[in-house]
Amino acid sequence: MPDSDSTALLPYQVRWISDHAPGKVWEKSRRIGATWGESADASLDASASNGRDWWYIGYNQEMALEFIEAAAGWTGVSARRPPPSSRPS
């Protein structure tokens, strides 16, 4: 990971992103920055590979929305923006 990207991440998040295993499991507590780090990994990988799909599994919808919003932040896209088909003309 380039040094310029790692300034927004803590050292353990950088190590997590540097692990390119096909599957990773993280047993964690709440609010340690796992979503922030994993969403950075997903966004950076997807942007480097023409939009590769990423799967995020959480135990409720709130967690999924938090991940989507964090990933959108990494890509500079608003997660709250309605899709083109639902926007007013």
Protein backbone atom coordinates (compact mmCIF):
# COMPACT_ATOMS: atom_id res chain seq x y z
CA MET A 1 0.00 0.00 0.00
CA PRO A 2 1.41 3.44 -0.88
CA ASP A 3 2.46 5.63 2.02
CA SER A 4 0.00 8.36 1.02
CA ASP A 5 -2.96 5.99 1.52
CA SER A 6 -1.69 4.64 4.83
CA THR A 7 -1.92 8.03 6.57
CA ALA A 8 -5.69 7.55 6.94
CA LEU A 9 -5.23 4.09 8.45
CA LEU A 10 -3.74 2.74 11.66
CA PRO A 11 -0.80 0.29 11.43
CA TYR A 12 -2.98 -2.79 12.13
CA GLN A 13 -5.40 -1.68 9.39
CA VAL A 14 -2.51 -1.39 6.94
CA ARG A 15 -1.38 -4.92 7.88
CA TRP A 16 -4.94 -6.17 7.34
CA ILE A 17 -5.11 -4.61 3.89
CA SER A 18 -1.65 -5.96 3.01
CA ASP A 19 -2.93 -9.52 3.58
CA HIS A 20 -4.11 -10.67 0.16
CA ALA A 21 -5.60 -13.99 1.28
CA PRO A 22 -8.75 -14.98 -0.65
CA GLY A 23 -10.69 -15.05 2.63
CA LYS A 24 -9.99 -13.33 5.93
CA VAL A 25 -11.66 -13.65 9.33
CA TRP A 26 -11.34 -11.02 12.03
CA GLU A 27 -12.62 -11.71 15.52
CA LYS A 28 -12.98 -8.25 16.98
CA SER A 29 -14.73 -5.96 19.38
CA ARG A 30 -16.82 -2.97 18.31
CA ARG A 31 -15.46 0.36 17.20
CA ILE A 32 -11.85 -0.58 16.56
CA GLY A 33 -11.81 0.56 12.93
CA ALA A 34 -12.31 -2.80 11.23
CA THR A 35 -15.08 -1.50 8.97
CA TRP A 36 -12.97 1.53 8.03
CA GLY A 37 -9.97 -0.64 7.16
CA GLU A 38 -11.91 -3.34 5.32
CA SER A 39 -13.92 -0.80 3.33
CA ALA A 40 -10.63 0.83 2.29
CA ASP A 41 -9.35 -2.57 1.16
CA ALA A 42 -12.55 -3.30 -0.78
CA SER A 43 -12.64 0.12 -2.44
CA LEU A 44 -8.96 0.18 -3.38
CA ASP A 45 -9.08 -3.38 -4.73
CA ALA A 46 -12.26 -2.79 -6.71
CA SER A 47 -10.90 0.42 -8.24
CA ALA A 48 -7.69 -1.35 -9.24
CA SER A 49 -9.55 -4.25 -10.87
CA ASN A 50 -12.41 -2.66 -12.84
CA GLY A 51 -15.00 -2.99 -10.08
CA ARG A 52 -14.34 -6.43 -8.63
CA ASP A 53 -17.17 -7.59 -6.34
CA TRP A 54 -16.63 -7.73 -2.59
CA TRP A 55 -18.76 -9.55 -0.04
CA TYR A 56 -19.34 -8.17 3.43
CA ILE A 57 -21.19 -10.29 5.97
CA GLY A 58 -22.49 -8.67 9.12
CA TYR A 59 -25.22 -9.71 11.49
CA ASN A 60 -27.62 -6.84 10.78
CA GLN A 61 -28.59 -4.26 8.18
CA GLU A 62 -27.07 -1.38 10.15
CA MET A 63 -23.62 -2.97 9.88
CA ALA A 64 -24.02 -3.49 6.15
CA LEU A 65 -25.08 0.13 5.62
CA GLU A 66 -22.12 1.37 7.67
CA PHE A 67 -19.77 -0.66 5.46
CA ILE A 68 -21.38 0.62 2.25
CA GLU A 69 -21.15 4.23 3.44
CA ALA A 70 -17.50 3.81 4.45
CA ALA A 71 -16.64 2.20 1.11
CA ALA A 72 -18.46 4.99 -0.70
CA GLY A 73 -16.40 7.48 1.26
CA TRP A 74 -13.20 5.81 0.08
CA THR A 75 -14.37 6.03 -3.52
CA GLY A 76 -15.74 9.56 -3.21
CA VAL A 77 -19.29 8.46 -4.03
CA SER A 78 -22.26 9.30 -1.83
CA ALA A 79 -23.99 6.17 -0.55
CA ARG A 80 -27.18 8.19 -0.05
CA ARG A 81 -27.48 9.23 -3.72
CA PRO A 82 -30.54 7.61 -5.28
CA PRO A 83 -30.02 5.41 -8.35
CA PRO A 84 -30.64 7.12 -11.72
CA SER A 85 -33.99 5.35 -12.23
CA SER A 86 -35.43 6.86 -9.02
CA ARG A 87 -34.20 10.43 -9.47
CA PRO A 88 -36.77 13.08 -10.39
CA SER A 89 -36.68 14.26 -14.01
